[in-house]
């Protein structure tokens, strides 16, 4: 019995020794593992600090390039629209900062922004009274919103283009101006249109056009189709038309223009018009369009380049 107790105590002692050894070993291993992790964290922190430094340097360079671009813009477009009168046609919901940039670019190019025409969200034509009212103004027999928007854009664009084309024939010009005034007044009274002008007549003979639309916000129903119809109408008498949209826009107005064979062959476009290169493209592209050279500029599908190529010197 004594021997059994002795062996039992010895066995317990062995197990205790083994357990203590395992515990001590795990502590040592844990300490080594923790140290290894701490070393890795320190290494990662060093790498992060290095990357932060690189990012800061790149941001400084980017700021310098952006400053260069902003300061270069007036030099690049100075005089490009000298003597030209420009009408800005915008769609409700378009980004305000982008529109301000368009107006500033025309001014820096020494053009004159004679008026701004706004197509309002009433053209969504969400109820029957609105559709009936627009049909009465247009003299249309249709009651479908899509058809009415197309007719409104086409009629308005063609009547504006007729006034812009009346540089030579004064008699034709007076008649065209009267037809345009009749239509725009009726559309204004019903809230479909807004006109802001610094001149007695908001469309002058020989005027060219910037059609601007787009933002990160959702467009009203039919906004793109309406704008396309108007842009095509404006080009009816070979008036110079530039369709411009910010690259941040979700409307895809410019892409819709480029995907339309008839429209893309009649107007120019810029899909990055909120940027300095985009504003340069709008101004220089409009200048070339006035001279009969159409082009599509930007970074999206269908763009021939970021800005127009240099014109050959005589």
C-alpha atoms as a PDB file:
ATOM      1  CA  UNK A   1       0.000   0.000   0.000  1.00  0.00           C
ATOM      2  CA  UNK A   2       2.864   2.309   0.839  1.00  0.00           C
ATOM      3  CA  UNK A   3       4.468   1.489  -2.472  1.00  0.00           C
ATOM      4  CA  UNK A   4       1.214   2.259  -4.301  1.00  0.00           C
ATOM      5  CA  UNK A   5       0.932   5.659  -2.599  1.00  0.00           C
ATOM      6  CA  UNK A   6       4.560   6.366  -3.383  1.00  0.00           C
ATOM      7  CA  UNK A   7       4.065   5.563  -7.051  1.00  0.00           C
ATOM      8  CA  UNK A   8       0.863   7.625  -7.134  1.00  0.00           C
ATOM      9  CA  UNK A   9       2.603  10.650  -5.626  1.00  0.00           C
ATOM     10  CA  UNK A  10       5.467  10.201  -8.070  1.00  0.00           C
ATOM     11  CA  UNK A  11       3.040  10.041 -10.994  1.00  0.00           C
ATOM     12  CA  UNK A  12       1.250  13.197  -9.862  1.00  0.00           C
ATOM     13  CA  UNK A  13       4.593  14.935  -9.530  1.00  0.00           C
ATOM     14  CA  UNK A  14       5.490  13.942 -13.075  1.00  0.00           C
ATOM     15  CA  UNK A  15       2.184  15.292 -14.425  1.00  0.00           C
ATOM     16  CA  UNK A  16       2.635  18.513 -12.509  1.00  0.00           C
ATOM     17  CA  UNK A  17       6.134  18.896 -13.887  1.00  0.00           C
ATOM     18  CA  UNK A  18       4.912  18.267 -17.390  1.00  0.00           C
ATOM     19  CA  UNK A  19       2.057  20.776 -17.003  1.00  0.00           C
ATOM     20  CA  UNK A  20       4.375  23.373 -15.567  1.00  0.00           C
ATOM     21  CA  UNK A  21       6.818  22.800 -18.402  1.00  0.00           C
ATOM     22  CA  UNK A  22       4.100  23.187 -21.023  1.00  0.00           C
ATOM     23  CA  UNK A  23       2.834  26.339 -19.327  1.00  0.00           C
ATOM     24  CA  UNK A  24       6.302  27.829 -19.123  1.00  0.00           C
ATOM     25  CA  UNK A  25       6.945  26.882 -22.732  1.00  0.00           C
ATOM     26  CA  UNK A  26       3.708  28.467 -23.917  1.00  0.00           C
ATOM     27  CA  UNK A  27       4.563  31.658 -22.073  1.00  0.00           C
ATOM     28  CA  UNK A  28       7.933  31.756 -23.803  1.00  0.00           C
ATOM     29  CA  UNK A  29       6.310  31.014 -27.141  1.00  0.00           C
ATOM     30  CA  UNK A  30       3.635  33.664 -26.513  1.00  0.00           C
ATOM     31  CA  UNK A  31       6.260  36.253 -25.690  1.00  0.00           C
ATOM     32  CA  UNK A  32       8.147  35.413 -28.893  1.00  0.00           C
ATOM     33  CA  UNK A  33       4.909  35.566 -30.925  1.00  0.00           C
ATOM     34  CA  UNK A  34       3.935  38.910 -29.408  1.00  0.00           C
ATOM     35  CA  UNK A  35       7.403  40.276 -30.103  1.00  0.00           C
ATOM     36  CA  UNK A  36       7.162  39.097 -33.674  1.00  0.00           C
ATOM     37  CA  UNK A  37       3.783  40.805 -34.076  1.00  0.00           C
ATOM     38  CA  UNK A  38       5.111  44.001 -32.544  1.00  0.00           C
ATOM     39  CA  UNK A  39       8.013  43.971 -34.998  1.00  0.00           C
ATOM     40  CA  UNK A  40       5.610  43.500 -37.907  1.00  0.00           C
ATOM     41  CA  UNK A  41       3.383  46.340 -36.693  1.00  0.00           C
ATOM     42  CA  UNK A  42       6.411  48.606 -36.375  1.00  0.00           C
ATOM     43  CA  UNK A  43       7.440  47.659 -39.902  1.00  0.00           C
ATOM     44  CA  UNK A  44       3.939  48.370 -41.235  1.00  0.00           C
ATOM     45  CA  UNK A  45       3.901  51.739 -39.479  1.00  0.00           C
ATOM     46  CA  UNK A  46       7.199  52.635 -41.107  1.00  0.00           C
ATOM     47  CA  UNK A  47       5.840  51.616 -44.506  1.00  0.00           C
ATOM     48  CA  UNK A  48       2.617  53.598 -43.929  1.00  0.00           C
ATOM     49  CA  UNK A  49       4.610  56.681 -42.933  1.00  0.00           C
ATOM     50  CA  UNK A  50       6.691  56.302 -46.074  1.00  0.00           C
ATOM     51  CA  UNK A  51       3.561  55.984 -48.238  1.00  0.00           C
ATOM     52  CA  UNK A  52       2.017  58.988 -46.532  1.00  0.00           C
ATOM     53  CA  UNK A  53       5.096  60.978 -47.404  1.00  0.00           C
ATOM     54  CA  UNK A  54       4.884  59.842 -51.027  1.00  0.00           C
ATOM     55  CA  UNK A  55       1.159  60.695 -51.178  1.00  0.00           C
ATOM     56  CA  UNK A  56       1.847  64.126 -49.690  1.00  0.00           C
ATOM     57  CA  UNK A  57       4.529  64.746 -52.320  1.00  0.00           C
ATOM     58  CA  UNK A  58       2.182  63.595 -55.094  1.00  0.00           C
ATOM     59  CA  UNK A  59      -0.601  65.843 -53.768  1.00  0.00           C
ATOM     60  CA  UNK A  60       1.797  68.781 -53.765  1.00  0.00           C
ATOM     61  CA  UNK A  61       2.707  68.033 -57.364  1.00  0.00           C
ATOM     62  CA  UNK A  62      -0.959  67.616 -58.290  1.00  0.00           C
ATOM     63  CA  UNK A  63      -1.780  70.963 -56.674  1.00  0.00           C
ATOM     64  CA  UNK A  64       1.040  72.565 -58.638  1.00  0.00           C
ATOM     65  CA  UNK A  65      -0.213  71.070 -61.914  1.00  0.00           C
ATOM     66  CA  UNK A  66      -3.785  72.160 -61.100  1.00  0.00           C
ATOM     67  CA  UNK A  67      -2.576  75.678 -60.331  1.00  0.00           C
ATOM     68  CA  UNK A  68      -0.645  75.673 -63.592  1.00  0.00           C
ATOM     69  CA  UNK A  69      -3.755  74.558 -65.478  1.00  0.00           C
ATOM     70  CA  UNK A  70      -5.931  77.236 -63.881  1.00  0.00           C
ATOM     71  CA  UNK A  71      -3.375  79.949 -64.619  1.00  0.00           C
ATOM     72  CA  UNK A  72      -2.889  78.654 -68.168  1.00  0.00           C
ATOM     73  CA  UNK A  73      -6.593  78.608 -69.055  1.00  0.00           C
ATOM     74  CA  UNK A  74      -6.871  82.354 -69.829  1.00  0.00           C
ATOM     75  CA  UNK A  75      -3.741  82.188 -71.984  1.00  0.00           C
ATOM     76  CA  UNK A  76      -5.010  79.182 -73.918  1.00  0.00           C
ATOM     77  CA  UNK A  77      -8.447  80.602 -74.708  1.00  0.00           C
ATOM     78  CA  UNK A  78      -7.781  84.340 -74.743  1.00  0.00           C
ATOM     79  CA  UNK A  79      -9.404  85.862 -77.814  1.00  0.00           C
ATOM     80  CA  UNK A  80     -10.782  82.544 -79.086  1.00  0.00           C
ATOM     81  CA  UNK A  81     -14.346  83.909 -79.079  1.00  0.00           C
ATOM     82  CA  UNK A  82     -13.542  87.579 -79.620  1.00  0.00           C
ATOM     83  CA  UNK A  83     -16.469  89.294 -81.298  1.00  0.00           C
ATOM     84  CA  UNK A  84     -18.701  86.232 -80.925  1.00  0.00           C
ATOM     85  CA  UNK A  85     -22.076  86.290 -79.170  1.00  0.00           C
ATOM     86  CA  UNK A  86     -22.923  83.115 -77.289  1.00  0.00           C
ATOM     87  CA  UNK A  87     -26.239  81.836 -75.957  1.00  0.00           C
ATOM     88  CA  UNK A  88     -26.093  79.368 -73.052  1.00  0.00           C
ATOM     89  CA  UNK A  89     -28.936  76.844 -73.038  1.00  0.00           C
ATOM     90  CA  UNK A  90     -29.148  74.943 -69.763  1.00  0.00           C
ATOM     91  CA  UNK A  91     -31.410  72.253 -68.327  1.00  0.00           C
ATOM     92  CA  UNK A  92     -32.959  72.441 -64.865  1.00  0.00           C
ATOM     93  CA  UNK A  93     -30.934  70.492 -62.318  1.00  0.00           C
ATOM     94  CA  UNK A  94     -27.580  71.153 -63.979  1.00  0.00           C
ATOM     95  CA  UNK A  95     -24.668  71.740 -61.593  1.00  0.00           C
ATOM     96  CA  UNK A  96     -24.420  75.464 -60.805  1.00  0.00           C
ATOM     97  CA  UNK A  97     -20.637  75.570 -60.410  1.00  0.00           C
ATOM     98  CA  UNK A  98     -20.269  73.949 -63.817  1.00  0.00           C
ATOM     99  CA  UNK A  99     -22.568  76.568 -65.396  1.00  0.00           C
ATOM    100  CA  UNK A 100     -20.616  79.372 -63.751  1.00  0.00           C
ATOM    101  CA  UNK A 101     -17.443  77.872 -65.211  1.00  0.00           C
ATOM    102  CA  UNK A 102     -18.987  77.931 -68.684  1.00  0.00           C
ATOM    103  CA  UNK A 103     -19.916  81.613 -68.345  1.00  0.00           C
ATOM    104  CA  UNK A 104     -16.444  82.509 -67.045  1.00  0.00           C
ATOM    105  CA  UNK A 105     -14.768  80.626 -69.894  1.00  0.00           C
ATOM    106  CA  UNK A 106     -16.771  82.549 -72.516  1.00  0.00           C
ATOM    107  CA  UNK A 107     -15.778  85.808 -70.828  1.00  0.00           C
ATOM    108  CA  UNK A 108     -12.093  84.815 -70.635  1.00  0.00           C
ATOM    109  CA  UNK A 109     -12.227  83.970 -74.344  1.00  0.00           C
ATOM    110  CA  UNK A 110     -13.518  87.539 -74.897  1.00  0.00           C
ATOM    111  CA  UNK A 111     -16.872  86.336 -76.135  1.00  0.00           C
ATOM    112  CA  UNK A 112     -20.179  87.866 -75.060  1.00  0.00           C
ATOM    113  CA  UNK A 113     -22.711  85.742 -73.238  1.00  0.00           C
ATOM    114  CA  UNK A 114     -25.859  87.499 -74.454  1.00  0.00           C
ATOM    115  CA  UNK A 115     -28.423  85.286 -72.749  1.00  0.00           C
ATOM    116  CA  UNK A 116     -29.189  82.153 -70.783  1.00  0.00           C
ATOM    117  CA  UNK A 117     -32.176  79.976 -71.639  1.00  0.00           C
ATOM    118  CA  UNK A 118     -33.315  77.474 -69.011  1.00  0.00           C
ATOM    119  CA  UNK A 119     -35.434  74.422 -69.807  1.00  0.00           C
ATOM    120  CA  UNK A 120     -37.382  73.794 -66.598  1.00  0.00           C
ATOM    121  CA  UNK A 121     -38.416  70.534 -64.978  1.00  0.00           C
ATOM    122  CA  UNK A 122     -42.010  71.296 -65.927  1.00  0.00           C
ATOM    123  CA  UNK A 123     -41.070  69.486 -69.143  1.00  0.00           C
ATOM    124  CA  UNK A 124     -41.296  66.265 -67.126  1.00  0.00           C
ATOM    125  CA  UNK A 125     -45.009  66.554 -68.041  1.00  0.00           C
ATOM    126  CA  UNK A 126     -46.145  64.465 -65.119  1.00  0.00           C
ATOM    127  CA  UNK A 127     -49.849  65.264 -65.459  1.00  0.00           C
ATOM    128  CA  UNK A 128     -52.391  65.643 -68.250  1.00  0.00           C
ATOM    129  CA  UNK A 129     -53.074  69.413 -67.806  1.00  0.00           C
ATOM    130  CA  UNK A 130     -49.362  70.116 -68.375  1.00  0.00           C
ATOM    131  CA  UNK A 131     -49.352  67.963 -71.493  1.00  0.00           C
ATOM    132  CA  UNK A 132     -52.523  69.622 -72.800  1.00  0.00           C
ATOM    133  CA  UNK A 133     -51.077  73.065 -72.127  1.00  0.00           C
ATOM    134  CA  UNK A 134     -47.844  72.318 -73.966  1.00  0.00           C
ATOM    135  CA  UNK A 135     -49.745  70.745 -76.873  1.00  0.00           C
ATOM    136  CA  UNK A 136     -51.810  73.928 -77.205  1.00  0.00           C
ATOM    137  CA  UNK A 137     -48.662  76.099 -77.277  1.00  0.00           C
ATOM    138  CA  UNK A 138     -47.020  73.905 -79.914  1.00  0.00           C
ATOM    139  CA  UNK A 139     -50.167  73.353 -81.974  1.00  0.00           C
ATOM    140  CA  UNK A 140     -49.624  69.629 -81.510  1.00  0.00           C
ATOM    141  CA  UNK A 141     -52.192  66.864 -81.762  1.00  0.00           C
ATOM    142  CA  UNK A 142     -50.133  64.548 -79.548  1.00  0.00           C
ATOM    143  CA  UNK A 143     -50.840  63.929 -75.873  1.00  0.00           C
ATOM    144  CA  UNK A 144     -47.758  61.778 -75.205  1.00  0.00           C
ATOM    145  CA  UNK A 145     -45.079  63.364 -73.016  1.00  0.00           C
ATOM    146  CA  UNK A 146     -42.166  62.011 -75.073  1.00  0.00           C
ATOM    147  CA  UNK A 147     -43.616  63.301 -78.350  1.00  0.00           C
ATOM    148  CA  UNK A 148     -44.408  66.707 -76.875  1.00  0.00           C
ATOM    149  CA  UNK A 149     -40.896  67.123 -75.465  1.00  0.00           C
ATOM    150  CA  UNK A 150     -39.429  66.215 -78.838  1.00  0.00           C
ATOM    151  CA  UNK A 151     -41.694  68.711 -80.632  1.00  0.00           C
ATOM    152  CA  UNK A 152     -40.947  71.446 -78.077  1.00  0.00           C
ATOM    153  CA  UNK A 153     -37.180  70.977 -78.304  1.00  0.00           C
ATOM    154  CA  UNK A 154     -37.253  70.864 -82.086  1.00  0.00           C
ATOM    155  CA  UNK A 155     -39.508  73.903 -82.513  1.00  0.00           C
ATOM    156  CA  UNK A 156     -37.603  75.996 -80.009  1.00  0.00           C
ATOM    157  CA  UNK A 157     -34.221  75.018 -81.446  1.00  0.00           C
ATOM    158  CA  UNK A 158     -35.251  75.658 -85.039  1.00  0.00           C
ATOM    159  CA  UNK A 159     -36.779  79.063 -84.260  1.00  0.00           C
ATOM    160  CA  UNK A 160     -33.701  80.128 -82.330  1.00  0.00           C
ATOM    161  CA  UNK A 161     -31.493  78.908 -85.187  1.00  0.00           C
ATOM    162  CA  UNK A 162     -33.580  80.870 -87.688  1.00  0.00           C
ATOM    163  CA  UNK A 163     -32.910  84.103 -85.792  1.00  0.00           C
ATOM    164  CA  UNK A 164     -29.205  83.274 -85.512  1.00  0.00           C
ATOM    165  CA  UNK A 165     -29.096  82.690 -89.284  1.00  0.00           C
ATOM    166  CA  UNK A 166     -30.769  86.008 -90.155  1.00  0.00           C
ATOM    167  CA  UNK A 167     -27.563  88.015 -90.360  1.00  0.00           C
ATOM    168  CA  UNK A 168     -28.119  89.056 -94.003  1.00  0.00           C
ATOM    169  CA  UNK A 169     -31.872  89.135 -94.652  1.00  0.00           C
ATOM    170  CA  UNK A 170     -33.422  91.739 -92.308  1.00  0.00           C
ATOM    171  CA  UNK A 171     -36.999  90.983 -93.433  1.00  0.00           C
ATOM    172  CA  UNK A 172     -36.552  87.288 -92.740  1.00  0.00           C
ATOM    173  CA  UNK A 173     -34.875  88.196 -89.461  1.00  0.00           C
ATOM    174  CA  UNK A 174     -37.845  90.234 -88.243  1.00  0.00           C
ATOM    175  CA  UNK A 175     -40.286  87.440 -89.072  1.00  0.00           C
ATOM    176  CA  UNK A 176     -38.066  84.817 -87.451  1.00  0.00           C
ATOM    177  CA  UNK A 177     -37.671  86.939 -84.321  1.00  0.00           C
ATOM    178  CA  UNK A 178     -41.435  87.375 -84.056  1.00  0.00           C
ATOM    179  CA  UNK A 179     -42.060  83.632 -84.339  1.00  0.00           C
ATOM    180  CA  UNK A 180     -39.446  82.964 -81.678  1.00  0.00           C
ATOM    181  CA  UNK A 181     -40.843  85.623 -79.348  1.00  0.00           C
ATOM    182  CA  UNK A 182     -44.354  84.202 -79.659  1.00  0.00           C
ATOM    183  CA  UNK A 183     -43.179  80.715 -78.732  1.00  0.00           C
ATOM    184  CA  UNK A 184     -40.840  81.693 -75.888  1.00  0.00           C
ATOM    185  CA  UNK A 185     -43.367  84.007 -74.256  1.00  0.00           C
ATOM    186  CA  UNK A 186     -45.991  81.271 -74.243  1.00  0.00           C
ATOM    187  CA  UNK A 187     -43.520  78.763 -72.809  1.00  0.00           C
ATOM    188  CA  UNK A 188     -42.384  81.255 -70.170  1.00  0.00           C
ATOM    189  CA  UNK A 189     -45.928  82.027 -69.101  1.00  0.00           C
ATOM    190  CA  UNK A 190     -46.589  78.332 -68.525  1.00  0.00           C
ATOM    191  CA  UNK A 191     -43.319  77.827 -66.649  1.00  0.00           C
ATOM    192  CA  UNK A 192     -41.595  75.638 -69.240  1.00  0.00           C
ATOM    193  CA  UNK A 193     -38.867  78.146 -69.956  1.00  0.00           C
ATOM    194  CA  UNK A 194     -36.781  80.837 -68.307  1.00  0.00           C
ATOM    195  CA  UNK A 195     -34.842  83.517 -70.202  1.00  0.00           C
ATOM    196  CA  UNK A 196     -32.190  85.815 -68.789  1.00  0.00           C
ATOM    197  CA  UNK A 197     -30.634  88.300 -71.201  1.00  0.00           C
ATOM    198  CA  UNK A 198     -28.224  91.223 -71.073  1.00  0.00           C
ATOM    199  CA  UNK A 199     -29.370  92.416 -74.496  1.00  0.00           C
ATOM    200  CA  UNK A 200     -32.629  93.647 -75.986  1.00  0.00           C
ATOM    201  CA  UNK A 201     -32.914  90.474 -78.044  1.00  0.00           C
ATOM    202  CA  UNK A 202     -31.817  87.262 -76.343  1.00  0.00           C
ATOM    203  CA  UNK A 203     -30.730  85.652 -79.625  1.00  0.00           C
ATOM    204  CA  UNK A 204     -28.704  87.750 -82.026  1.00  0.00           C
ATOM    205  CA  UNK A 205     -27.910  87.102 -85.689  1.00  0.00           C
ATOM    206  CA  UNK A 206     -24.771  85.004 -85.946  1.00  0.00           C
ATOM    207  CA  UNK A 207     -24.982  83.714 -82.372  1.00  0.00           C
ATOM    208  CA  UNK A 208     -23.435  80.390 -81.402  1.00  0.00           C
ATOM    209  CA  UNK A 209     -24.641  78.057 -78.670  1.00  0.00           C
ATOM    210  CA  UNK A 210     -23.437  76.112 -75.657  1.00  0.00           C
ATOM    211  CA  UNK A 211     -25.983  73.508 -74.571  1.00  0.00           C
ATOM    212  CA  UNK A 212     -25.100  72.538 -70.996  1.00  0.00           C
ATOM    213  CA  UNK A 213     -26.584  69.779 -68.882  1.00  0.00           C
ATOM    214  CA  UNK A 214     -25.633  67.333 -66.184  1.00  0.00           C
ATOM    215  CA  UNK A 215     -24.976  66.832 -62.483  1.00  0.00           C
ATOM    216  CA  UNK A 216     -24.617  64.104 -59.891  1.00  0.00           C
ATOM    217  CA  UNK A 217     -28.299  64.537 -59.046  1.00  0.00           C
ATOM    218  CA  UNK A 218     -31.059  62.645 -60.826  1.00  0.00           C
ATOM    219  CA  UNK A 219     -32.373  64.410 -63.927  1.00  0.00           C
ATOM    220  CA  UNK A 220     -36.052  65.081 -64.477  1.00  0.00           C
ATOM    221  CA  UNK A 221     -37.959  62.709 -66.729  1.00  0.00           C
ATOM    222  CA  UNK A 222     -37.129  63.254 -70.411  1.00  0.00           C
ATOM    223  CA  UNK A 223     -34.423  65.876 -69.765  1.00  0.00           C
ATOM    224  CA  UNK A 224     -31.860  64.243 -72.052  1.00  0.00           C
ATOM    225  CA  UNK A 225     -34.302  63.630 -74.930  1.00  0.00           C
ATOM    226  CA  UNK A 226     -35.542  67.220 -74.674  1.00  0.00           C
ATOM    227  CA  UNK A 227     -31.994  68.589 -74.725  1.00  0.00           C
ATOM    228  CA  UNK A 228     -31.043  66.399 -77.678  1.00  0.00           C
ATOM    229  CA  UNK A 229     -34.048  67.589 -79.688  1.00  0.00           C
ATOM    230  CA  UNK A 230     -33.203  71.215 -78.938  1.00  0.00           C
ATOM    231  CA  UNK A 231     -29.517  70.766 -79.836  1.00  0.00           C
ATOM    232  CA  UNK A 232     -30.471  69.194 -83.168  1.00  0.00           C
ATOM    233  CA  UNK A 233     -32.946  72.014 -83.809  1.00  0.00           C
ATOM    234  CA  UNK A 234     -30.285  74.619 -83.048  1.00  0.00           C
ATOM    235  CA  UNK A 235     -28.003  73.089 -85.679  1.00  0.00           C
ATOM    236  CA  UNK A 236     -30.804  73.279 -88.279  1.00  0.00           C
ATOM    237  CA  UNK A 237     -29.273  76.256 -90.101  1.00  0.00           C
ATOM    238  CA  UNK A 238     -25.655  75.282 -89.480  1.00  0.00           C
ATOM    239  CA  UNK A 239     -25.374  77.304 -86.283  1.00  0.00           C
ATOM    240  CA  UNK A 240     -22.384  76.380 -84.129  1.00  0.00           C
ATOM    241  CA  UNK A 241     -23.514  74.186 -81.229  1.00  0.00           C
ATOM    242  CA  UNK A 242     -21.373  72.755 -78.425  1.00  0.00           C
ATOM    243  CA  UNK A 243     -22.995  70.263 -76.027  1.00  0.00           C
ATOM    244  CA  UNK A 244     -21.177  70.236 -72.667  1.00  0.00           C
ATOM    245  CA  UNK A 245     -21.492  68.025 -69.586  1.00  0.00           C
ATOM    246  CA  UNK A 246     -19.398  67.540 -66.413  1.00  0.00           C
ATOM    247  CA  UNK A 247     -17.424  64.298 -66.175  1.00  0.00           C
ATOM    248  CA  UNK A 248     -19.050  63.729 -62.763  1.00  0.00           C
ATOM    249  CA  UNK A 249     -22.558  63.809 -64.252  1.00  0.00           C
ATOM    250  CA  UNK A 250     -24.814  60.768 -64.141  1.00  0.00           C
ATOM    251  CA  UNK A 251     -27.049  62.035 -66.967  1.00  0.00           C
ATOM    252  CA  UNK A 252     -24.922  60.689 -69.869  1.00  0.00           C
ATOM    253  CA  UNK A 253     -26.112  63.545 -72.065  1.00  0.00           C
ATOM    254  CA  UNK A 254     -22.957  63.760 -74.150  1.00  0.00           C
ATOM    255  CA  UNK A 255     -22.864  60.002 -74.637  1.00  0.00           C
ATOM    256  CA  UNK A 256     -26.469  60.128 -75.858  1.00  0.00           C
ATOM    257  CA  UNK A 257     -25.432  62.820 -78.349  1.00  0.00           C
ATOM    258  CA  UNK A 258     -22.476  60.765 -79.589  1.00  0.00           C
ATOM    259  CA  UNK A 259     -24.592  57.633 -79.909  1.00  0.00           C
ATOM    260  CA  UNK A 260     -27.033  59.513 -82.182  1.00  0.00           C
ATOM    261  CA  UNK A 261     -25.568  59.525 -85.684  1.00  0.00           C
ATOM    262  CA  UNK A 262     -27.529  62.553 -86.921  1.00  0.00           C
ATOM    263  CA  UNK A 263     -26.770  64.611 -83.839  1.00  0.00           C
ATOM    264  CA  UNK A 264     -23.100  63.704 -83.510  1.00  0.00           C
ATOM    265  CA  UNK A 265     -22.600  64.785 -87.128  1.00  0.00           C
ATOM    266  CA  UNK A 266     -24.271  68.160 -86.467  1.00  0.00           C
ATOM    267  CA  UNK A 267     -22.861  69.367 -83.131  1.00  0.00           C
ATOM    268  CA  UNK A 268     -19.641  69.258 -81.124  1.00  0.00           C
ATOM    269  CA  UNK A 269     -19.363  67.961 -77.558  1.00  0.00           C
ATOM    270  CA  UNK A 270     -17.218  67.931 -74.422  1.00  0.00           C
ATOM    271  CA  UNK A 271     -17.738  65.335 -71.680  1.00  0.00           C
ATOM    272  CA  UNK A 272     -15.368  66.816 -69.040  1.00  0.00           C
ATOM    273  CA  UNK A 273     -16.495  70.414 -69.150  1.00  0.00           C
ATOM    274  CA  UNK A 274     -16.195  71.147 -65.407  1.00  0.00           C
ATOM    275  CA  UNK A 275     -12.395  70.769 -65.586  1.00  0.00           C
ATOM    276  CA  UNK A 276      -9.832  73.209 -66.953  1.00  0.00           C
ATOM    277  CA  UNK A 277      -9.124  70.999 -70.002  1.00  0.00           C
ATOM    278  CA  UNK A 278     -12.876  70.683 -70.452  1.00  0.00           C
ATOM    279  CA  UNK A 279     -13.483  74.443 -70.424  1.00  0.00           C
ATOM    280  CA  UNK A 280     -10.617  74.871 -72.859  1.00  0.00           C
ATOM    281  CA  UNK A 281     -12.190  72.181 -75.061  1.00  0.00           C
ATOM    282  CA  UNK A 282     -15.590  73.911 -74.945  1.00  0.00           C
ATOM    283  CA  UNK A 283     -14.173  77.286 -75.977  1.00  0.00           C
ATOM    284  CA  UNK A 284     -11.682  76.107 -78.594  1.00  0.00           C
ATOM    285  CA  UNK A 285     -14.141  73.474 -79.823  1.00  0.00           C
ATOM    286  CA  UNK A 286     -16.858  76.107 -80.216  1.00  0.00           C
ATOM    287  CA  UNK A 287     -14.399  78.334 -82.079  1.00  0.00           C
ATOM    288  CA  UNK A 288     -13.639  75.484 -84.479  1.00  0.00           C
ATOM    289  CA  UNK A 289     -17.336  74.641 -84.825  1.00  0.00           C
ATOM    290  CA  UNK A 290     -18.025  78.253 -85.811  1.00  0.00           C
ATOM    291  CA  UNK A 291     -15.445  77.696 -88.557  1.00  0.00           C
ATOM    292  CA  UNK A 292     -17.241  74.518 -89.624  1.00  0.00           C
ATOM    293  CA  UNK A 293     -14.951  71.973 -87.923  1.00  0.00           C
ATOM    294  CA  UNK A 294     -16.947  69.720 -85.605  1.00  0.00           C
ATOM    295  CA  UNK A 295     -15.319  67.662 -82.874  1.00  0.00           C
ATOM    296  CA  UNK A 296     -15.964  65.590 -79.761  1.00  0.00           C
ATOM    297  CA  UNK A 297     -13.603  66.073 -76.835  1.00  0.00           C
ATOM    298  CA  UNK A 298     -12.959  64.645 -73.387  1.00  0.00           C
ATOM    299  CA  UNK A 299     -12.160  61.272 -71.873  1.00  0.00           C
ATOM    300  CA  UNK A 300     -15.310  59.211 -72.473  1.00  0.00           C
ATOM    301  CA  UNK A 301     -16.198  56.980 -75.426  1.00  0.00           C
ATOM    302  CA  UNK A 302     -16.290  58.807 -78.739  1.00  0.00           C
ATOM    303  CA  UNK A 303     -13.859  61.562 -77.778  1.00  0.00           C
ATOM    304  CA  UNK A 304     -11.203  62.333 -80.372  1.00  0.00           C
ATOM    305  CA  UNK A 305      -8.961  64.007 -77.792  1.00  0.00           C
ATOM    306  CA  UNK A 306      -8.929  65.908 -74.515  1.00  0.00           C
ATOM    307  CA  UNK A 307      -8.867  69.265 -76.314  1.00  0.00           C
ATOM    308  CA  UNK A 308      -9.052  70.222 -80.000  1.00  0.00           C
ATOM    309  CA  UNK A 309      -5.868  69.837 -82.023  1.00  0.00           C
ATOM    310  CA  UNK A 310      -4.005  72.977 -83.121  1.00  0.00           C
ATOM    311  CA  UNK A 311      -5.361  74.473 -86.326  1.00  0.00           C
ATOM    312  CA  UNK A 312      -2.832  74.726 -89.184  1.00  0.00           C
ATOM    313  CA  UNK A 313      -1.335  78.160 -89.630  1.00  0.00           C
ATOM    314  CA  UNK A 314      -1.749  79.741 -93.031  1.00  0.00           C
END
